[in-house]
């Protein structure tokens, strides 16, 4: 796995994904880096939970009747450093409408069925 990292850009400032550490004794540096790694990892999980919550709220606010998807967070098989949110929607006997303020509309997926002879 290869990463292109622009150290000059990173050295300009810290950001939500970059944190610099000062030199010090070995134990304090290792502890500090370990805590930062944990914080970054938890930040990613928190962002996924925040996205999940906003999507579920959007489904309640803009879909009629509202839909509550089943949500799973899974590992990305192609990139272990990322996670994937999966929204499962069960079939419903109701016709659902998306309301975007002035209009309401039905969204229907195009499906192709192959006829067997």
N, C-alpha and C. Protein backbone atom coordinates (compact mmCIF):
# COMPACT_ATOMS: atom_id res chain seq x y z
N UNK A 1 0.85 -1.16 0.00
CA UNK A 1 0.00 0.00 0.00
C UNK A 1 0.90 1.23 0.00
N UNK A 2 0.60 2.17 -0.88
CA UNK A 2 1.41 3.37 -1.00
C UNK A 2 0.56 4.61 -0.77
N UNK A 3 1.09 5.54 0.01
CA UNK A 3 0.40 6.79 0.29
C UNK A 3 1.25 7.94 -0.22
N UNK A 4 0.62 8.90 -0.86
CA UNK A 4 1.31 10.12 -1.26
C UNK A 4 1.02 11.17 -0.19
N UNK A 5 2.01 11.48 0.61
CA UNK A 5 1.83 12.43 1.70
C UNK A 5 2.67 13.65 1.43
N UNK A 6 2.04 14.81 1.42
CA UNK A 6 2.73 16.07 1.21
C UNK A 6 3.09 16.65 2.57
N UNK A 7 4.33 16.37 3.03
CA UNK A 7 4.76 16.82 4.36
C UNK A 7 4.79 18.34 4.46
N UNK A 8 5.10 19.02 3.36
CA UNK A 8 5.10 20.49 3.39
C UNK A 8 3.70 21.01 3.71
N UNK A 9 2.70 20.43 3.08
CA UNK A 9 1.31 20.83 3.34
C UNK A 9 0.92 20.49 4.78
N UNK A 10 1.31 19.32 5.24
CA UNK A 10 0.97 18.90 6.61
C UNK A 10 1.64 19.78 7.66
N UNK A 11 2.84 20.29 7.33
CA UNK A 11 3.59 21.08 8.31
C UNK A 11 3.02 22.48 8.51
N UNK A 12 2.15 22.93 7.64
CA UNK A 12 1.59 24.28 7.73
C UNK A 12 0.73 24.44 8.98
N UNK A 13 -0.10 23.45 9.25
CA UNK A 13 -1.00 23.57 10.40
C UNK A 13 -1.61 22.21 10.73
N UNK A 14 -2.11 22.11 11.95
CA UNK A 14 -2.88 20.94 12.33
C UNK A 14 -4.28 21.08 11.74
N UNK A 15 -4.98 19.98 11.62
CA UNK A 15 -6.35 19.99 11.11
C UNK A 15 -7.12 18.88 11.82
N UNK A 16 -8.33 18.63 11.36
CA UNK A 16 -9.10 17.56 11.99
C UNK A 16 -8.50 16.19 11.72
N UNK A 17 -7.57 16.09 10.77
CA UNK A 17 -6.92 14.81 10.47
C UNK A 17 -5.42 14.82 10.73
N UNK A 18 -4.86 15.94 11.19
CA UNK A 18 -3.41 16.05 11.42
C UNK A 18 -3.18 16.66 12.80
N UNK A 19 -2.31 16.01 13.58
CA UNK A 19 -1.92 16.55 14.88
C UNK A 19 -0.43 16.34 15.05
N UNK A 20 0.28 17.40 15.40
CA UNK A 20 1.72 17.33 15.62
C UNK A 20 2.01 17.09 17.08
N UNK A 21 3.12 16.40 17.38
CA UNK A 21 3.55 16.13 18.74
C UNK A 21 4.92 16.74 18.97
N UNK A 22 5.13 17.28 20.18
CA UNK A 22 6.44 17.81 20.55
C UNK A 22 7.34 16.67 21.00
N UNK A 23 8.64 16.89 20.84
CA UNK A 23 9.62 15.91 21.28
C UNK A 23 9.62 15.85 22.81
N UNK A 24 9.89 14.71 23.37
CA UNK A 24 9.93 14.55 24.81
C UNK A 24 10.44 13.17 25.14
N UNK A 25 10.17 12.73 26.36
CA UNK A 25 10.66 11.39 26.71
C UNK A 25 9.81 10.33 26.02
N UNK A 26 10.42 9.19 25.80
CA UNK A 26 9.85 8.09 25.04
C UNK A 26 8.44 7.70 25.52
N UNK A 27 8.28 7.50 26.82
CA UNK A 27 7.00 7.06 27.38
C UNK A 27 5.90 8.09 27.11
N UNK A 28 6.18 9.37 27.34
CA UNK A 28 5.18 10.40 27.11
C UNK A 28 4.79 10.53 25.64
N UNK A 29 5.78 10.41 24.75
CA UNK A 29 5.48 10.50 23.32
C UNK A 29 4.61 9.33 22.89
N UNK A 30 4.99 8.12 23.27
CA UNK A 30 4.23 6.93 22.89
C UNK A 30 2.80 7.01 23.45
N UNK A 31 2.66 7.41 24.70
CA UNK A 31 1.34 7.55 25.31
C UNK A 31 0.52 8.60 24.59
N UNK A 32 1.12 9.74 24.30
CA UNK A 32 0.42 10.82 23.62
C UNK A 32 -0.05 10.40 22.23
N UNK A 33 0.83 9.72 21.50
CA UNK A 33 0.46 9.26 20.15
C UNK A 33 -0.64 8.21 20.23
N UNK A 34 -0.55 7.30 21.19
CA UNK A 34 -1.61 6.30 21.37
C UNK A 34 -2.96 6.93 21.64
N UNK A 35 -2.98 7.94 22.49
CA UNK A 35 -4.24 8.64 22.80
C UNK A 35 -4.78 9.36 21.56
N UNK A 36 -3.89 9.97 20.78
CA UNK A 36 -4.32 10.67 19.57
C UNK A 36 -4.89 9.69 18.55
N UNK A 37 -4.22 8.55 18.39
CA UNK A 37 -4.73 7.54 17.46
C UNK A 37 -6.13 7.10 17.88
N UNK A 38 -6.32 6.88 19.17
CA UNK A 38 -7.65 6.50 19.67
C UNK A 38 -8.67 7.59 19.37
N UNK A 39 -8.28 8.85 19.59
CA UNK A 39 -9.20 9.96 19.34
C UNK A 39 -9.58 10.04 17.87
N UNK A 40 -8.59 9.89 16.97
CA UNK A 40 -8.91 9.91 15.54
C UNK A 40 -9.83 8.75 15.17
N UNK A 41 -9.57 7.57 15.68
CA UNK A 41 -10.41 6.41 15.38
C UNK A 41 -11.83 6.63 15.88
N UNK A 42 -11.95 7.15 17.10
CA UNK A 42 -13.29 7.41 17.64
C UNK A 42 -13.99 8.52 16.88
N UNK A 43 -13.24 9.49 16.38
CA UNK A 43 -13.82 10.57 15.60
C UNK A 43 -14.48 10.02 14.35
N UNK A 44 -13.81 9.06 13.69
CA UNK A 44 -14.38 8.46 12.49
C UNK A 44 -15.68 7.75 12.86
N UNK A 45 -15.68 6.96 13.92
CA UNK A 45 -16.90 6.28 14.36
C UNK A 45 -18.00 7.27 14.70
N UNK A 46 -17.62 8.35 15.39
CA UNK A 46 -18.62 9.35 15.74
C UNK A 46 -19.21 10.00 14.49
N UNK A 47 -18.38 10.26 13.49
CA UNK A 47 -18.89 10.86 12.25
C UNK A 47 -19.85 9.91 11.55
N UNK A 48 -19.52 8.61 11.53
CA UNK A 48 -20.44 7.65 10.92
C UNK A 48 -21.75 7.61 11.68
N UNK A 49 -21.70 7.65 13.01
CA UNK A 49 -22.93 7.66 13.81
C UNK A 49 -23.72 8.94 13.54
N UNK A 50 -23.02 10.05 13.38
CA UNK A 50 -23.68 11.32 13.09
C UNK A 50 -24.37 11.26 11.71
N UNK A 51 -23.67 10.72 10.72
CA UNK A 51 -24.27 10.57 9.39
C UNK A 51 -25.48 9.65 9.46
N UNK A 52 -25.32 8.53 10.15
CA UNK A 52 -26.44 7.58 10.31
C UNK A 52 -27.64 8.29 10.92
N UNK A 53 -27.42 9.03 11.98
CA UNK A 53 -28.51 9.74 12.65
C UNK A 53 -29.18 10.76 11.75
N UNK A 54 -28.38 11.49 10.97
CA UNK A 54 -28.95 12.50 10.07
C UNK A 54 -29.76 11.86 8.94
N UNK A 55 -29.27 10.72 8.42
CA UNK A 55 -30.02 10.02 7.38
C UNK A 55 -31.35 9.51 7.94
N UNK A 56 -31.32 8.92 9.12
CA UNK A 56 -32.56 8.42 9.73
C UNK A 56 -33.54 9.56 10.00
N UNK A 57 -33.04 10.71 10.46
CA UNK A 57 -33.90 11.87 10.69
C UNK A 57 -34.48 12.36 9.37
N UNK A 58 -33.67 12.38 8.33
CA UNK A 58 -34.13 12.80 7.00
C UNK A 58 -35.25 11.88 6.50
N UNK A 59 -35.08 10.58 6.74
CA UNK A 59 -36.12 9.62 6.34
C UNK A 59 -37.43 9.89 7.09
N UNK A 60 -37.34 10.29 8.34
CA UNK A 60 -38.55 10.61 9.11
C UNK A 60 -39.18 11.91 8.64
N UNK A 61 -38.35 12.89 8.28
CA UNK A 61 -38.85 14.22 7.94
C UNK A 61 -39.35 14.35 6.51
N UNK A 62 -38.75 13.63 5.56
CA UNK A 62 -39.04 13.88 4.15
C UNK A 62 -39.71 12.72 3.43
N UNK A 63 -39.82 11.56 4.04
CA UNK A 63 -40.48 10.43 3.40
C UNK A 63 -41.84 10.21 4.05
N UNK A 64 -42.83 9.96 3.20
CA UNK A 64 -44.18 9.76 3.72
C UNK A 64 -44.79 8.54 3.05
N UNK A 65 -45.24 7.54 3.80
CA UNK A 65 -44.97 7.39 5.22
C UNK A 65 -43.47 7.21 5.45
N UNK A 66 -43.03 7.57 6.65
CA UNK A 66 -41.60 7.53 6.95
C UNK A 66 -41.07 6.10 6.87
N UNK A 67 -39.78 6.01 6.62
CA UNK A 67 -39.11 4.71 6.52
C UNK A 67 -37.93 4.73 7.49
N UNK A 68 -37.75 3.63 8.19
CA UNK A 68 -36.59 3.50 9.08
C UNK A 68 -35.73 2.35 8.57
N UNK A 69 -34.66 2.69 7.84
CA UNK A 69 -33.78 1.63 7.34
C UNK A 69 -33.07 0.91 8.49
N UNK A 70 -32.67 -0.32 8.24
CA UNK A 70 -31.81 -1.04 9.16
C UNK A 70 -30.38 -0.67 8.76
N UNK A 71 -29.57 -0.25 9.73
CA UNK A 71 -28.23 0.26 9.42
C UNK A 71 -27.17 -0.66 10.01
N UNK A 72 -26.19 -0.99 9.16
CA UNK A 72 -25.04 -1.78 9.59
C UNK A 72 -23.77 -1.03 9.21
N UNK A 73 -22.80 -1.04 10.10
CA UNK A 73 -21.48 -0.48 9.82
C UNK A 73 -20.55 -1.66 9.62
N UNK A 74 -19.88 -1.71 8.47
CA UNK A 74 -19.02 -2.86 8.16
C UNK A 74 -17.62 -2.39 7.74
N UNK A 75 -16.67 -3.31 7.79
CA UNK A 75 -15.32 -3.03 7.28
C UNK A 75 -15.37 -2.91 5.77
N UNK A 76 -14.55 -2.04 5.22
CA UNK A 76 -14.39 -1.94 3.78
C UNK A 76 -13.39 -3.01 3.36
N UNK A 77 -13.81 -4.01 2.58
CA UNK A 77 -12.89 -5.10 2.23
C UNK A 77 -11.74 -4.64 1.34
N UNK A 78 -11.89 -3.49 0.69
CA UNK A 78 -10.83 -2.99 -0.19
C UNK A 78 -9.89 -2.01 0.51
N UNK A 79 -10.30 -1.51 1.68
CA UNK A 79 -9.47 -0.54 2.40
C UNK A 79 -9.80 -0.65 3.89
N UNK A 80 -8.98 -1.37 4.62
CA UNK A 80 -9.25 -1.65 6.04
C UNK A 80 -9.25 -0.40 6.91
N UNK A 81 -8.74 0.72 6.40
CA UNK A 81 -8.73 1.95 7.20
C UNK A 81 -10.04 2.72 7.09
N UNK A 82 -10.98 2.23 6.30
CA UNK A 82 -12.28 2.90 6.17
C UNK A 82 -13.40 1.95 6.53
N UNK A 83 -14.55 2.51 6.80
CA UNK A 83 -15.74 1.73 7.15
C UNK A 83 -16.84 2.10 6.16
N UNK A 84 -17.84 1.24 6.05
CA UNK A 84 -18.97 1.45 5.13
C UNK A 84 -20.26 1.39 5.94
N UNK A 85 -21.14 2.37 5.70
CA UNK A 85 -22.49 2.31 6.26
C UNK A 85 -23.40 1.68 5.23
N UNK A 86 -24.14 0.65 5.64
CA UNK A 86 -25.07 -0.03 4.75
C UNK A 86 -26.48 0.23 5.28
N UNK A 87 -27.34 0.77 4.42
CA UNK A 87 -28.73 1.03 4.77
C UNK A 87 -29.60 0.00 4.07
N UNK A 88 -30.26 -0.86 4.86
CA UNK A 88 -31.15 -1.89 4.31
C UNK A 88 -32.57 -1.40 4.40
N UNK A 89 -33.27 -1.47 3.28
CA UNK A 89 -34.66 -1.03 3.24
C UNK A 89 -35.50 -2.25 2.90
N UNK A 90 -36.42 -2.57 3.78
CA UNK A 90 -37.29 -3.72 3.57
C UNK A 90 -38.43 -3.32 2.64
N UNK A 91 -38.91 -4.30 1.88
CA UNK A 91 -40.05 -4.04 1.00
C UNK A 91 -41.25 -3.59 1.83
N UNK A 92 -42.05 -2.73 1.24
CA UNK A 92 -43.19 -2.18 1.96
C UNK A 92 -44.44 -2.28 1.09
N UNK A 93 -45.59 -2.55 1.71
CA UNK A 93 -46.82 -2.58 0.93
C UNK A 93 -47.32 -1.17 0.58
N UNK A 94 -46.70 -0.14 1.18
CA UNK A 94 -47.11 1.24 0.95
C UNK A 94 -46.33 1.88 -0.19
N UNK A 95 -46.94 2.86 -0.83
CA UNK A 95 -46.23 3.70 -1.80
C UNK A 95 -45.68 4.89 -1.01
N UNK A 96 -44.40 5.11 -1.10
CA UNK A 96 -43.74 6.17 -0.34
C UNK A 96 -43.47 7.37 -1.23
N UNK A 97 -43.61 8.54 -0.65
CA UNK A 97 -43.39 9.80 -1.36
C UNK A 97 -42.23 10.52 -0.72
N UNK A 98 -41.38 11.15 -1.56
CA UNK A 98 -40.32 12.02 -1.06
C UNK A 98 -40.81 13.45 -1.17
N UNK A 99 -40.83 14.17 -0.05
CA UNK A 99 -41.29 15.56 -0.01
C UNK A 99 -40.07 16.46 0.07
N UNK A 100 -39.92 17.36 -0.90
CA UNK A 100 -38.77 18.26 -0.87
C UNK A 100 -39.20 19.72 -0.74
N UNK A 101 -40.23 19.96 -0.01
CA UNK A 101 -40.69 21.33 0.22
C UNK A 101 -41.93 21.62 -0.60
N UNK A 102 -41.72 22.09 -1.82
CA UNK A 102 -42.85 22.47 -2.68
C UNK A 102 -43.49 21.28 -3.37
N UNK A 103 -42.71 20.24 -3.62
CA UNK A 103 -43.22 19.11 -4.39
C UNK A 103 -43.09 17.81 -3.61
N UNK A 104 -43.92 16.90 -3.97
CA UNK A 104 -43.80 15.52 -3.49
C UNK A 104 -43.74 14.64 -4.72
N UNK A 105 -42.86 13.66 -4.70
CA UNK A 105 -42.79 12.79 -5.86
C UNK A 105 -42.43 11.37 -5.46
N UNK A 106 -42.92 10.46 -6.29
CA UNK A 106 -42.60 9.05 -6.12
C UNK A 106 -41.32 8.75 -6.89
N UNK A 107 -40.40 8.06 -6.27
CA UNK A 107 -39.19 7.62 -6.95
C UNK A 107 -39.29 6.12 -7.13
N UNK A 108 -39.07 5.67 -8.37
CA UNK A 108 -39.17 4.26 -8.68
C UNK A 108 -37.89 3.84 -9.38
N UNK A 109 -37.31 2.76 -8.89
CA UNK A 109 -36.10 2.24 -9.54
C UNK A 109 -36.49 1.54 -10.83
N UNK A 110 -35.69 1.75 -11.87
CA UNK A 110 -35.91 1.05 -13.13
C UNK A 110 -35.40 -0.37 -12.96
N UNK A 111 -36.21 -1.32 -13.33
CA UNK A 111 -35.82 -2.72 -13.21
C UNK A 111 -35.93 -3.39 -14.57
N UNK A 112 -35.05 -4.28 -14.81
CA UNK A 112 -35.09 -5.05 -16.04
C UNK A 112 -35.27 -6.51 -15.68
N UNK A 113 -36.25 -7.12 -16.28
CA UNK A 113 -36.49 -8.53 -16.03
C UNK A 113 -36.20 -9.29 -17.32
N UNK A 114 -35.46 -10.36 -17.18
CA UNK A 114 -35.14 -11.17 -18.34
C UNK A 114 -36.18 -12.27 -18.45
N UNK A 115 -36.75 -12.38 -19.63
CA UNK A 115 -37.78 -13.38 -19.86
C UNK A 115 -37.11 -14.66 -20.34
N UNK A 116 -37.40 -15.74 -19.65
CA UNK A 116 -36.87 -17.04 -20.05
C UNK A 116 -37.83 -17.72 -21.00
N UNK A 117 -37.27 -18.28 -22.07
CA UNK A 117 -38.13 -18.99 -23.05
C UNK A 117 -38.05 -20.46 -22.84
